[in-house]
């Protein structure tokens, strides 16, 4: 039904920035709630940020003020602008889509490494 592909991960120094993108296909993107999750090495998955179809956003306390989530319905893309990155941000980042019927879809992830 929905296919999600993340991109933009890589290696960055502490204090640097990265912009992650998620390309969605196969469904009505504008009616879905979207989110970014991450899984640090050896840890469990955690919510990073979310944006609803009405553009209401939420952020975890650990990234608030540093990360910005946004969506472009015309291009069927979701982005996560990450600024002032810290080593604790190192993780595989996953794009999630939730349909109005509550079906959940995941991308395969993109790896972010913050290290000097």
PDB file of N, CA and C in Angstrom:
ATOM      1  N   UNK A   1       0.831  -1.210   0.000  1.00  0.00           N
ATOM      2  CA  UNK A   1       0.000   0.000   0.000  1.00  0.00           C
ATOM      3  C   UNK A   1       0.868   1.264   0.000  1.00  0.00           C
ATOM      4  N   UNK A   2       1.811   1.331   0.932  1.00  0.00           N
ATOM      5  CA  UNK A   2       2.691   2.482   1.059  1.00  0.00           C
ATOM      6  C   UNK A   2       4.134   2.001   1.071  1.00  0.00           C
ATOM      7  N   UNK A   3       4.971   2.665   0.302  1.00  0.00           N
ATOM      8  CA  UNK A   3       6.401   2.407   0.311  1.00  0.00           C
ATOM      9  C   UNK A   3       7.126   3.673   0.759  1.00  0.00           C
ATOM     10  N   UNK A   4       8.068   3.524   1.678  1.00  0.00           N
ATOM     11  CA  UNK A   4       8.804   4.644   2.241  1.00  0.00           C
ATOM     12  C   UNK A   4      10.297   4.407   2.053  1.00  0.00           C
ATOM     13  N   UNK A   5      11.001   5.417   1.585  1.00  0.00           N
ATOM     14  CA  UNK A   5      12.436   5.330   1.367  1.00  0.00           C
ATOM     15  C   UNK A   5      13.110   6.535   1.991  1.00  0.00           C
ATOM     16  N   UNK A   6      13.989   6.278   2.971  1.00  0.00           N
ATOM     17  CA  UNK A   6      14.726   7.344   3.632  1.00  0.00           C
ATOM     18  C   UNK A   6      16.050   7.594   2.924  1.00  0.00           C
ATOM     19  N   UNK A   7      16.534   8.818   3.052  1.00  0.00           N
ATOM     20  CA  UNK A   7      17.837   9.175   2.515  1.00  0.00           C
ATOM     21  C   UNK A   7      18.395  10.351   3.299  1.00  0.00           C
ATOM     22  N   UNK A   8      19.683  10.606   3.142  1.00  0.00           N
ATOM     23  CA  UNK A   8      20.312  11.760   3.750  1.00  0.00           C
ATOM     24  C   UNK A   8      21.200  11.474   4.936  1.00  0.00           C
ATOM     25  N   UNK A   9      21.252  10.235   5.384  1.00  0.00           N
ATOM     26  CA  UNK A   9      22.108   9.900   6.506  1.00  0.00           C
ATOM     27  C   UNK A   9      23.575   9.941   6.126  1.00  0.00           C
ATOM     28  N   UNK A  10      24.423   9.877   7.148  1.00  0.00           N
ATOM     29  CA  UNK A  10      25.851   9.898   6.913  1.00  0.00           C
ATOM     30  C   UNK A  10      26.616  10.198   8.178  1.00  0.00           C
ATOM     31  N   UNK A  11      27.884  10.511   8.005  1.00  0.00           N
ATOM     32  CA  UNK A  11      28.778  10.845   9.107  1.00  0.00           C
ATOM     33  C   UNK A  11      28.906  12.355   9.222  1.00  0.00           C
ATOM     34  N   UNK A  12      28.738  12.868  10.423  1.00  0.00           N
ATOM     35  CA  UNK A  12      28.833  14.306  10.656  1.00  0.00           C
ATOM     36  C   UNK A  12      29.496  14.551  12.003  1.00  0.00           C
ATOM     37  N   UNK A  13      30.206  15.660  12.118  1.00  0.00           N
ATOM     38  CA  UNK A  13      30.856  16.018  13.374  1.00  0.00           C
ATOM     39  C   UNK A  13      29.858  16.607  14.363  1.00  0.00           C
ATOM     40  N   UNK A  14      30.128  16.486  15.655  1.00  0.00           N
ATOM     41  CA  UNK A  14      29.265  17.150  16.634  1.00  0.00           C
ATOM     42  C   UNK A  14      29.122  18.632  16.333  1.00  0.00           C
ATOM     43  N   UNK A  15      27.899  19.128  16.465  1.00  0.00           N
ATOM     44  CA  UNK A  15      27.608  20.508  16.132  1.00  0.00           C
ATOM     45  C   UNK A  15      27.202  20.724  14.692  1.00  0.00           C
ATOM     46  N   UNK A  16      27.361  19.713  13.870  1.00  0.00           N
ATOM     47  CA  UNK A  16      27.006  19.814  12.467  1.00  0.00           C
ATOM     48  C   UNK A  16      25.534  19.580  12.217  1.00  0.00           C
ATOM     49  N   UNK A  17      25.177  19.568  10.942  1.00  0.00           N
ATOM     50  CA  UNK A  17      23.785  19.431  10.534  1.00  0.00           C
ATOM     51  C   UNK A  17      23.624  18.373   9.454  1.00  0.00           C
ATOM     52  N   UNK A  18      22.460  17.758   9.429  1.00  0.00           N
ATOM     53  CA  UNK A  18      22.058  16.845   8.376  1.00  0.00           C
ATOM     54  C   UNK A  18      20.584  17.051   8.093  1.00  0.00           C
ATOM     55  N   UNK A  19      20.193  16.754   6.875  1.00  0.00           N
ATOM     56  CA  UNK A  19      18.794  16.820   6.484  1.00  0.00           C
ATOM     57  C   UNK A  19      18.376  15.463   5.943  1.00  0.00           C
ATOM     58  N   UNK A  20      17.461  14.808   6.641  1.00  0.00           N
ATOM     59  CA  UNK A  20      16.939  13.526   6.216  1.00  0.00           C
ATOM     60  C   UNK A  20      15.671  13.722   5.402  1.00  0.00           C
ATOM     61  N   UNK A  21      15.479  12.856   4.420  1.00  0.00           N
ATOM     62  CA  UNK A  21      14.284  12.900   3.593  1.00  0.00           C
ATOM     63  C   UNK A  21      13.634  11.532   3.554  1.00  0.00           C
ATOM     64  N   UNK A  22      12.327  11.537   3.403  1.00  0.00           N
ATOM     65  CA  UNK A  22      11.553  10.316   3.256  1.00  0.00           C
ATOM     66  C   UNK A  22      10.620  10.500   2.076  1.00  0.00           C
ATOM     67  N   UNK A  23      10.764   9.645   1.085  1.00  0.00           N
ATOM     68  CA  UNK A  23       9.918   9.676  -0.087  1.00  0.00           C
ATOM     69  C   UNK A  23       8.832   8.617   0.046  1.00  0.00           C
ATOM     70  N   UNK A  24       7.589   9.027  -0.120  1.00  0.00           N
ATOM     71  CA  UNK A  24       6.448   8.130   0.043  1.00  0.00           C
ATOM     72  C   UNK A  24       5.748   7.910  -1.286  1.00  0.00           C
ATOM     73  N   UNK A  25       5.279   6.691  -1.483  1.00  0.00           N
ATOM     74  CA  UNK A  25       4.523   6.362  -2.682  1.00  0.00           C
ATOM     75  C   UNK A  25       3.494   5.288  -2.356  1.00  0.00           C
ATOM     76  N   UNK A  26       2.491   5.172  -3.210  1.00  0.00           N
ATOM     77  CA  UNK A  26       1.530   4.094  -3.097  1.00  0.00           C
ATOM     78  C   UNK A  26       0.237   4.416  -2.363  1.00  0.00           C
ATOM     79  N   UNK A  27       0.108   5.616  -1.815  1.00  0.00           N
ATOM     80  CA  UNK A  27      -1.083   5.978  -1.082  1.00  0.00           C
ATOM     81  C   UNK A  27      -1.255   7.487  -1.082  1.00  0.00           C
ATOM     82  N   UNK A  28      -2.269   7.957  -0.360  1.00  0.00           N
ATOM     83  CA  UNK A  28      -2.552   9.388  -0.267  1.00  0.00           C
ATOM     84  C   UNK A  28      -1.746   9.987   0.871  1.00  0.00           C
ATOM     85  N   UNK A  29      -0.577  10.509   0.539  1.00  0.00           N
ATOM     86  CA  UNK A  29       0.355  11.022   1.525  1.00  0.00           C
ATOM     87  C   UNK A  29      -0.254  12.107   2.405  1.00  0.00           C
ATOM     88  N   UNK A  30      -1.026  12.991   1.821  1.00  0.00           N
ATOM     89  CA  UNK A  30      -1.540  14.135   2.552  1.00  0.00           C
ATOM     90  C   UNK A  30      -2.497  13.754   3.674  1.00  0.00           C
ATOM     91  N   UNK A  31      -3.066  12.569   3.623  1.00  0.00           N
ATOM     92  CA  UNK A  31      -3.999  12.133   4.657  1.00  0.00           C
ATOM     93  C   UNK A  31      -3.341  11.291   5.741  1.00  0.00           C
ATOM     94  N   UNK A  32      -2.046  11.079   5.637  1.00  0.00           N
ATOM     95  CA  UNK A  32      -1.322  10.258   6.605  1.00  0.00           C
ATOM     96  C   UNK A  32      -0.644  11.103   7.672  1.00  0.00           C
ATOM     97  N   UNK A  33      -0.591  10.548   8.868  1.00  0.00           N
ATOM     98  CA  UNK A  33       0.278  11.073   9.902  1.00  0.00           C
ATOM     99  C   UNK A  33       1.677  10.499   9.684  1.00  0.00           C
ATOM    100  N   UNK A  34       2.698  11.340   9.806  1.00  0.00           N
ATOM    101  CA  UNK A  34       4.063  10.924   9.526  1.00  0.00           C
ATOM    102  C   UNK A  34       4.945  11.149  10.747  1.00  0.00           C
ATOM    103  N   UNK A  35       5.993  10.352  10.854  1.00  0.00           N
ATOM    104  CA  UNK A  35       6.886  10.482  11.994  1.00  0.00           C
ATOM    105  C   UNK A  35       8.277   9.978  11.655  1.00  0.00           C
ATOM    106  N   UNK A  36       9.253  10.474  12.404  1.00  0.00           N
ATOM    107  CA  UNK A  36      10.604   9.943  12.401  1.00  0.00           C
ATOM    108  C   UNK A  36      10.869   9.253  13.733  1.00  0.00           C
ATOM    109  N   UNK A  37      11.346   8.032  13.662  1.00  0.00           N
ATOM    110  CA  UNK A  37      11.826   7.281  14.811  1.00  0.00           C
ATOM    111  C   UNK A  37      13.316   7.028  14.643  1.00  0.00           C
ATOM    112  N   UNK A  38      13.971   6.652  15.718  1.00  0.00           N
ATOM    113  CA  UNK A  38      15.373   6.268  15.622  1.00  0.00           C
ATOM    114  C   UNK A  38      15.682   5.157  16.607  1.00  0.00           C
ATOM    115  N   UNK A  39      16.704   4.368  16.263  1.00  0.00           N
ATOM    116  CA  UNK A  39      17.173   3.305  17.128  1.00  0.00           C
ATOM    117  C   UNK A  39      18.678   3.467  17.316  1.00  0.00           C
ATOM    118  N   UNK A  40      19.106   3.939  18.479  1.00  0.00           N
ATOM    119  CA  UNK A  40      20.540   4.042  18.753  1.00  0.00           C
ATOM    120  C   UNK A  40      21.160   2.658  18.840  1.00  0.00           C
ATOM    121  N   UNK A  41      22.464   2.551  18.661  1.00  0.00           N
ATOM    122  CA  UNK A  41      23.125   1.249  18.767  1.00  0.00           C
ATOM    123  C   UNK A  41      22.864   0.604  20.125  1.00  0.00           C
ATOM    124  N   UNK A  42      22.403  -0.624  20.115  1.00  0.00           N
ATOM    125  CA  UNK A  42      22.173  -1.358  21.340  1.00  0.00           C
ATOM    126  C   UNK A  42      20.993  -0.901  22.166  1.00  0.00           C
ATOM    127  N   UNK A  43      20.150  -0.034  21.624  1.00  0.00           N
ATOM    128  CA  UNK A  43      19.014   0.501  22.348  1.00  0.00           C
ATOM    129  C   UNK A  43      17.721   0.257  21.577  1.00  0.00           C
ATOM    130  N   UNK A  44      16.610   0.564  22.215  1.00  0.00           N
ATOM    131  CA  UNK A  44      15.325   0.360  21.579  1.00  0.00           C
ATOM    132  C   UNK A  44      14.893   1.594  20.787  1.00  0.00           C
ATOM    133  N   UNK A  45      13.954   1.369  19.901  1.00  0.00           N
ATOM    134  CA  UNK A  45      13.444   2.435  19.055  1.00  0.00           C
ATOM    135  C   UNK A  45      12.751   3.513  19.878  1.00  0.00           C
ATOM    136  N   UNK A  46      12.908   4.762  19.459  1.00  0.00           N
ATOM    137  CA  UNK A  46      12.266   5.875  20.137  1.00  0.00           C
ATOM    138  C   UNK A  46      11.731   6.873  19.124  1.00  0.00           C
ATOM    139  N   UNK A  47      10.654   7.537  19.501  1.00  0.00           N
ATOM    140  CA  UNK A  47      10.069   8.565  18.653  1.00  0.00           C
ATOM    141  C   UNK A  47      10.925   9.817  18.690  1.00  0.00           C
ATOM    142  N   UNK A  48      11.192  10.379  17.527  1.00  0.00           N
ATOM    143  CA  UNK A  48      11.956  11.618  17.409  1.00  0.00           C
ATOM    144  C   UNK A  48      11.025  12.804  17.203  1.00  0.00           C
ATOM    145  N   UNK A  49      10.169  12.714  16.198  1.00  0.00           N
ATOM    146  CA  UNK A  49       9.267  13.808  15.867  1.00  0.00           C
ATOM    147  C   UNK A  49       8.134  13.276  15.019  1.00  0.00           C
ATOM    148  N   UNK A  50       7.011  13.965  15.041  1.00  0.00           N
ATOM    149  CA  UNK A  50       5.868  13.572  14.235  1.00  0.00           C
ATOM    150  C   UNK A  50       5.164  14.803  13.693  1.00  0.00           C
ATOM    151  N   UNK A  51       4.451  14.612  12.604  1.00  0.00           N
ATOM    152  CA  UNK A  51       3.640  15.674  12.023  1.00  0.00           C
ATOM    153  C   UNK A  51       2.345  15.052  11.521  1.00  0.00           C
ATOM    154  N   UNK A  52       1.227  15.609  11.952  1.00  0.00           N
ATOM    155  CA  UNK A  52      -0.077  15.123  11.554  1.00  0.00           C
ATOM    156  C   UNK A  52      -0.478  15.712  10.206  1.00  0.00           C
ATOM    157  N   UNK A  53      -1.594  15.225   9.682  1.00  0.00           N
ATOM    158  CA  UNK A  53      -2.060  15.711   8.392  1.00  0.00           C
ATOM    159  C   UNK A  53      -2.431  17.191   8.431  1.00  0.00           C
ATOM    160  N   UNK A  54      -2.746  17.700   9.622  1.00  0.00           N
ATOM    161  CA  UNK A  54      -3.039  19.123   9.782  1.00  0.00           C
ATOM    162  C   UNK A  54      -1.799  19.934  10.149  1.00  0.00           C
ATOM    163  N   UNK A  55      -0.618  19.300  10.073  1.00  0.00           N
ATOM    164  CA  UNK A  55       0.684  19.924  10.306  1.00  0.00           C
ATOM    165  C   UNK A  55       0.993  20.228  11.763  1.00  0.00           C
ATOM    166  N   UNK A  56       0.227  19.678  12.677  1.00  0.00           N
ATOM    167  CA  UNK A  56       0.596  19.757  14.085  1.00  0.00           C
ATOM    168  C   UNK A  56       1.816  18.870  14.312  1.00  0.00           C
ATOM    169  N   UNK A  57       2.835  19.418  14.952  1.00  0.00           N
ATOM    170  CA  UNK A  57       4.090  18.701  15.152  1.00  0.00           C
ATOM    171  C   UNK A  57       4.347  18.422  16.619  1.00  0.00           C
ATOM    172  N   UNK A  58       5.086  17.349  16.869  1.00  0.00           N
ATOM    173  CA  UNK A  58       5.553  17.011  18.205  1.00  0.00           C
ATOM    174  C   UNK A  58       7.013  16.611  18.121  1.00  0.00           C
ATOM    175  N   UNK A  59       7.744  16.814  19.223  1.00  0.00           N
ATOM    176  CA  UNK A  59       9.159  16.485  19.284  1.00  0.00           C
ATOM    177  C   UNK A  59       9.479  15.844  20.625  1.00  0.00           C
ATOM    178  N   UNK A  60      10.421  14.935  20.608  1.00  0.00           N
ATOM    179  CA  UNK A  60      10.930  14.418  21.861  1.00  0.00           C
ATOM    180  C   UNK A  60      11.737  15.508  22.551  1.00  0.00           C
ATOM    181  N   UNK A  61      11.808  15.436  23.867  1.00  0.00           N
ATOM    182  CA  UNK A  61      12.534  16.455  24.618  1.00  0.00           C
ATOM    183  C   UNK A  61      14.005  16.526  24.224  1.00  0.00           C
ATOM    184  N   UNK A  62      14.581  15.417  23.839  1.00  0.00           N
ATOM    185  CA  UNK A  62      15.996  15.370  23.530  1.00  0.00           C
ATOM    186  C   UNK A  62      16.364  16.104  22.243  1.00  0.00           C
ATOM    187  N   UNK A  63      15.400  16.322  21.350  1.00  0.00           N
ATOM    188  CA  UNK A  63      15.700  16.973  20.078  1.00  0.00           C
ATOM    189  C   UNK A  63      15.001  18.308  19.910  1.00  0.00           C
ATOM    190  N   UNK A  64      14.101  18.647  20.801  1.00  0.00           N
ATOM    191  CA  UNK A  64      13.341  19.882  20.682  1.00  0.00           C
ATOM    192  C   UNK A  64      14.276  21.085  20.652  1.00  0.00           C
ATOM    193  N   UNK A  65      14.044  21.963  19.683  1.00  0.00           N
ATOM    194  CA  UNK A  65      14.894  23.128  19.508  1.00  0.00           C
ATOM    195  C   UNK A  65      16.055  22.904  18.571  1.00  0.00           C
ATOM    196  N   UNK A  66      16.364  21.647  18.251  1.00  0.00           N
ATOM    197  CA  UNK A  66      17.457  21.322  17.351  1.00  0.00           C
ATOM    198  C   UNK A  66      16.973  20.708  16.040  1.00  0.00           C
ATOM    199  N   UNK A  67      15.891  19.938  16.095  1.00  0.00           N
ATOM    200  CA  UNK A  67      15.359  19.253  14.916  1.00  0.00           C
ATOM    201  C   UNK A  67      14.051  19.903  14.483  1.00  0.00           C
ATOM    202  N   UNK A  68      13.780  19.848  13.186  1.00  0.00           N
ATOM    203  CA  UNK A  68      12.530  20.345  12.638  1.00  0.00           C
ATOM    204  C   UNK A  68      11.965  19.334  11.652  1.00  0.00           C
ATOM    205  N   UNK A  69      10.728  18.914  11.885  1.00  0.00           N
ATOM    206  CA  UNK A  69      10.055  17.999  10.979  1.00  0.00           C
ATOM    207  C   UNK A  69       9.106  18.800  10.091  1.00  0.00           C
ATOM    208  N   UNK A  70       9.016  18.420   8.834  1.00  0.00           N
ATOM    209  CA  UNK A  70       8.116  19.100   7.916  1.00  0.00           C
ATOM    210  C   UNK A  70       7.687  18.144   6.819  1.00  0.00           C
ATOM    211  N   UNK A  71       6.605  18.492   6.160  1.00  0.00           N
ATOM    212  CA  UNK A  71       6.100  17.675   5.068  1.00  0.00           C
ATOM    213  C   UNK A  71       5.760  18.541   3.873  1.00  0.00           C
ATOM    214  N   UNK A  72       5.924  17.972   2.695  1.00  0.00           N
ATOM    215  CA  UNK A  72       5.559  18.617   1.452  1.00  0.00           C
ATOM    216  C   UNK A  72       4.611  17.670   0.735  1.00  0.00           C
ATOM    217  N   UNK A  73       3.320  17.922   0.880  1.00  0.00           N
ATOM    218  CA  UNK A  73       2.322  17.014   0.325  1.00  0.00           C
ATOM    219  C   UNK A  73       2.358  16.978  -1.202  1.00  0.00           C
ATOM    220  N   UNK A  74       2.713  18.094  -1.822  1.00  0.00           N
ATOM    221  CA  UNK A  74       2.776  18.142  -3.275  1.00  0.00           C
ATOM    222  C   UNK A  74       3.854  17.216  -3.821  1.00  0.00           C
ATOM    223  N   UNK A  75       4.926  17.019  -3.063  1.00  0.00           N
ATOM    224  CA  UNK A  75       6.030  16.171  -3.487  1.00  0.00           C
ATOM    225  C   UNK A  75       6.051  14.817  -2.791  1.00  0.00           C
ATOM    226  N   UNK A  76       5.094  14.578  -1.894  1.00  0.00           N
ATOM    227  CA  UNK A  76       5.023  13.327  -1.141  1.00  0.00           C
ATOM    228  C   UNK A  76       6.325  13.034  -0.399  1.00  0.00           C
ATOM    229  N   UNK A  77       6.842  14.046   0.274  1.00  0.00           N
ATOM    230  CA  UNK A  77       8.089  13.891   1.003  1.00  0.00           C
ATOM    231  C   UNK A  77       7.956  14.388   2.438  1.00  0.00           C
ATOM    232  N   UNK A  78       8.726  13.775   3.302  1.00  0.00           N
ATOM    233  CA  UNK A  78       8.850  14.150   4.701  1.00  0.00           C
ATOM    234  C   UNK A  78      10.316  14.441   4.964  1.00  0.00           C
ATOM    235  N   UNK A  79      10.597  15.491   5.705  1.00  0.00           N
ATOM    236  CA  UNK A  79      11.984  15.846   5.990  1.00  0.00           C
ATOM    237  C   UNK A  79      12.214  15.993   7.487  1.00  0.00           C
ATOM    238  N   UNK A  80      13.463  15.828   7.870  1.00  0.00           N
ATOM    239  CA  UNK A  80      13.889  16.086   9.237  1.00  0.00           C
ATOM    240  C   UNK A  80      15.188  16.867   9.160  1.00  0.00           C
ATOM    241  N   UNK A  81      15.122  18.146   9.467  1.00  0.00           N
ATOM    242  CA  UNK A  81      16.306  18.987   9.524  1.00  0.00           C
ATOM    243  C   UNK A  81      16.909  18.854  10.916  1.00  0.00           C
ATOM    244  N   UNK A  82      18.142  18.392  10.987  1.00  0.00           N
ATOM    245  CA  UNK A  82      18.813  18.143  12.253  1.00  0.00           C
ATOM    246  C   UNK A  82      19.996  19.090  12.380  1.00  0.00           C
ATOM    247  N   UNK A  83      19.944  19.957  13.375  1.00  0.00           N
ATOM    248  CA  UNK A  83      21.002  20.921  13.630  1.00  0.00           C
ATOM    249  C   UNK A  83      21.640  20.662  14.984  1.00  0.00           C
ATOM    250  N   UNK A  84      22.848  21.188  15.154  1.00  0.00           N
ATOM    251  CA  UNK A  84      23.578  21.033  16.409  1.00  0.00           C
ATOM    252  C   UNK A  84      23.593  19.583  16.867  1.00  0.00           C
ATOM    253  N   UNK A  85      24.007  18.713  15.984  1.00  0.00           N
ATOM    254  CA  UNK A  85      23.982  17.282  16.266  1.00  0.00           C
ATOM    255  C   UNK A  85      24.960  16.909  17.371  1.00  0.00           C
ATOM    256  N   UNK A  86      24.555  15.926  18.150  1.00  0.00           N
ATOM    257  CA  UNK A  86      25.335  15.435  19.271  1.00  0.00           C
ATOM    258  C   UNK A  86      25.640  13.952  19.074  1.00  0.00           C
ATOM    259  N   UNK A  87      26.697  13.445  19.704  1.00  0.00           N
ATOM    260  CA  UNK A  87      26.981  12.006  19.586  1.00  0.00           C
ATOM    261  C   UNK A  87      25.793  11.130  19.982  1.00  0.00           C
ATOM    262  N   UNK A  88      24.978  11.597  20.912  1.00  0.00           N
ATOM    263  CA  UNK A  88      23.809  10.844  21.351  1.00  0.00           C
ATOM    264  C   UNK A  88      22.749  10.716  20.264  1.00  0.00           C
ATOM    265  N   UNK A  89      22.859  11.502  19.196  1.00  0.00           N
ATOM    266  CA  UNK A  89      21.930  11.407  18.080  1.00  0.00           C
ATOM    267  C   UNK A  89      22.280  10.276  17.122  1.00  0.00           C
ATOM    268  N   UNK A  90      23.416   9.640  17.317  1.00  0.00           N
ATOM    269  CA  UNK A  90      23.812   8.525  16.467  1.00  0.00           C
ATOM    270  C   UNK A  90      22.781   7.409  16.536  1.00  0.00           C
ATOM    271  N   UNK A  91      22.254   7.026  15.379  1.00  0.00           N
ATOM    272  CA  UNK A  91      21.193   6.025  15.330  1.00  0.00           C
ATOM    273  C   UNK A  91      20.831   5.749  13.884  1.00  0.00           C
ATOM    274  N   UNK A  92      20.055   4.702  13.692  1.00  0.00           N
ATOM    275  CA  UNK A  92      19.374   4.492  12.424  1.00  0.00           C
ATOM    276  C   UNK A  92      18.024   5.182  12.524  1.00  0.00           C
ATOM    277  N   UNK A  93      17.747   6.051  11.578  1.00  0.00           N
ATOM    278  CA  UNK A  93      16.517   6.831  11.582  1.00  0.00           C
ATOM    279  C   UNK A  93      15.523   6.229  10.605  1.00  0.00           C
ATOM    280  N   UNK A  94      14.274   6.070  11.062  1.00  0.00           N
ATOM    281  CA  UNK A  94      13.231   5.429  10.285  1.00  0.00           C
ATOM    282  C   UNK A  94      12.061   6.369  10.050  1.00  0.00           C
ATOM    283  N   UNK A  95      11.539   6.341   8.861  1.00  0.00           N
ATOM    284  CA  UNK A  95      10.335   7.071   8.503  1.00  0.00           C
ATOM    285  C   UNK A  95       9.120   6.182   8.732  1.00  0.00           C
ATOM    286  N   UNK A  96       8.078   6.741   9.339  1.00  0.00           N
ATOM    287  CA  UNK A  96       6.848   6.008   9.589  1.00  0.00           C
ATOM    288  C   UNK A  96       5.665   6.765   9.009  1.00  0.00           C
ATOM    289  N   UNK A  97       4.737   6.023   8.428  1.00  0.00           N
ATOM    290  CA  UNK A  97       3.499   6.578   7.913  1.00  0.00           C
ATOM    291  C   UNK A  97       2.327   5.836   8.537  1.00  0.00           C
ATOM    292  N   UNK A  98       1.317   6.586   8.968  1.00  0.00           N
ATOM    293  CA  UNK A  98       0.113   5.998   9.537  1.00  0.00           C
ATOM    294  C   UNK A  98      -1.094   6.503   8.754  1.00  0.00           C
ATOM    295  N   UNK A  99      -1.860   5.576   8.208  1.00  0.00           N
ATOM    296  CA  UNK A  99      -3.010   5.929   7.388  1.00  0.00           C
ATOM    297  C   UNK A  99      -4.198   6.284   8.262  1.00  0.00           C
ATOM    298  N   UNK A 100      -5.232   6.901   7.679  1.00  0.00           N
ATOM    299  CA  UNK A 100      -6.453   7.182   8.454  1.00  0.00           C
ATOM    300  C   UNK A 100      -7.091   5.921   9.025  1.00  0.00           C
ATOM    301  N   UNK A 101      -6.885   4.771   8.394  1.00  0.00           N
ATOM    302  CA  UNK A 101      -7.410   3.511   8.899  1.00  0.00           C
ATOM    303  C   UNK A 101      -6.497   2.859   9.930  1.00  0.00           C
ATOM    304  N   UNK A 102      -5.423   3.548  10.327  1.00  0.00           N
ATOM    305  CA  UNK A 102      -4.493   3.117  11.376  1.00  0.00           C
ATOM    306  C   UNK A 102      -3.439   2.124  10.901  1.00  0.00           C
ATOM    307  N   UNK A 103      -3.390   1.820   9.624  1.00  0.00           N
ATOM    308  CA  UNK A 103      -2.309   0.989   9.106  1.00  0.00           C
ATOM    309  C   UNK A 103      -0.981   1.736   9.225  1.00  0.00           C
ATOM    310  N   UNK A 104       0.071   1.023   9.608  1.00  0.00           N
ATOM    311  CA  UNK A 104       1.385   1.614   9.842  1.00  0.00           C
ATOM    312  C   UNK A 104       2.397   1.037   8.871  1.00  0.00           C
ATOM    313  N   UNK A 105       3.224   1.905   8.307  1.00  0.00           N
ATOM    314  CA  UNK A 105       4.242   1.508   7.347  1.00  0.00           C
ATOM    315  C   UNK A 105       5.583   2.099   7.753  1.00  0.00           C
ATOM    316  N   UNK A 106       6.650   1.355   7.482  1.00  0.00           N
ATOM    317  CA  UNK A 106       8.003   1.751   7.849  1.00  0.00           C
ATOM    318  C   UNK A 106       8.939   1.705   6.664  1.00  0.00           C
ATOM    319  N   UNK A 107       9.882   2.633   6.647  1.00  0.00           N
ATOM    320  CA  UNK A 107      10.989   2.534   5.730  1.00  0.00           C
ATOM    321  C   UNK A 107      12.073   1.640   6.308  1.00  0.00           C
ATOM    322  N   UNK A 108      13.131   1.423   5.546  1.00  0.00           N
ATOM    323  CA  UNK A 108      14.221   0.555   5.982  1.00  0.00           C
ATOM    324  C   UNK A 108      15.272   1.278   6.815  1.00  0.00           C
ATOM    325  N   UNK A 109      15.221   2.592   6.836  1.00  0.00           N
ATOM    326  CA  UNK A 109      16.096   3.360   7.693  1.00  0.00           C
ATOM    327  C   UNK A 109      17.290   3.954   6.973  1.00  0.00           C
ATOM    328  N   UNK A 110      17.845   4.990   7.569  1.00  0.00           N
ATOM    329  CA  UNK A 110      19.079   5.604   7.105  1.00  0.00           C
ATOM    330  C   UNK A 110      19.947   5.900   8.327  1.00  0.00           C
ATOM    331  N   UNK A 111      21.230   5.582   8.228  1.00  0.00           N
ATOM    332  CA  UNK A 111      22.117   5.646   9.383  1.00  0.00           C
ATOM    333  C   UNK A 111      22.741   7.028   9.533  1.00  0.00           C
ATOM    334  N   UNK A 112      22.689   7.533  10.757  1.00  0.00           N
ATOM    335  CA  UNK A 112      23.316   8.804  11.108  1.00  0.00           C
ATOM    336  C   UNK A 112      24.373   8.535  12.171  1.00  0.00           C
ATOM    337  N   UNK A 113      25.597   8.963  11.903  1.00  0.00           N
ATOM    338  CA  UNK A 113      26.685   8.823  12.855  1.00  0.00           C
ATOM    339  C   UNK A 113      27.254  10.189  13.163  1.00  0.00           C
ATOM    340  N   UNK A 114      27.241  10.559  14.432  1.00  0.00           N
ATOM    341  CA  UNK A 114      27.770  11.844  14.880  1.00  0.00           C
ATOM    342  C   UNK A 114      29.027  11.563  15.694  1.00  0.00           C
ATOM    343  N   UNK A 115      30.158  11.920  15.143  1.00  0.00           N
ATOM    344  CA  UNK A 115      31.427  11.598  15.776  1.00  0.00           C
ATOM    345  C   UNK A 115      32.515  12.531  15.267  1.00  0.00           C
ATOM    346  N   UNK A 116      33.466  12.823  16.137  1.00  0.00           N
ATOM    347  CA  UNK A 116      34.622  13.606  15.745  1.00  0.00           C
ATOM    348  C   UNK A 116      35.795  12.720  15.362  1.00  0.00           C
TER     349      UNK A 116
END
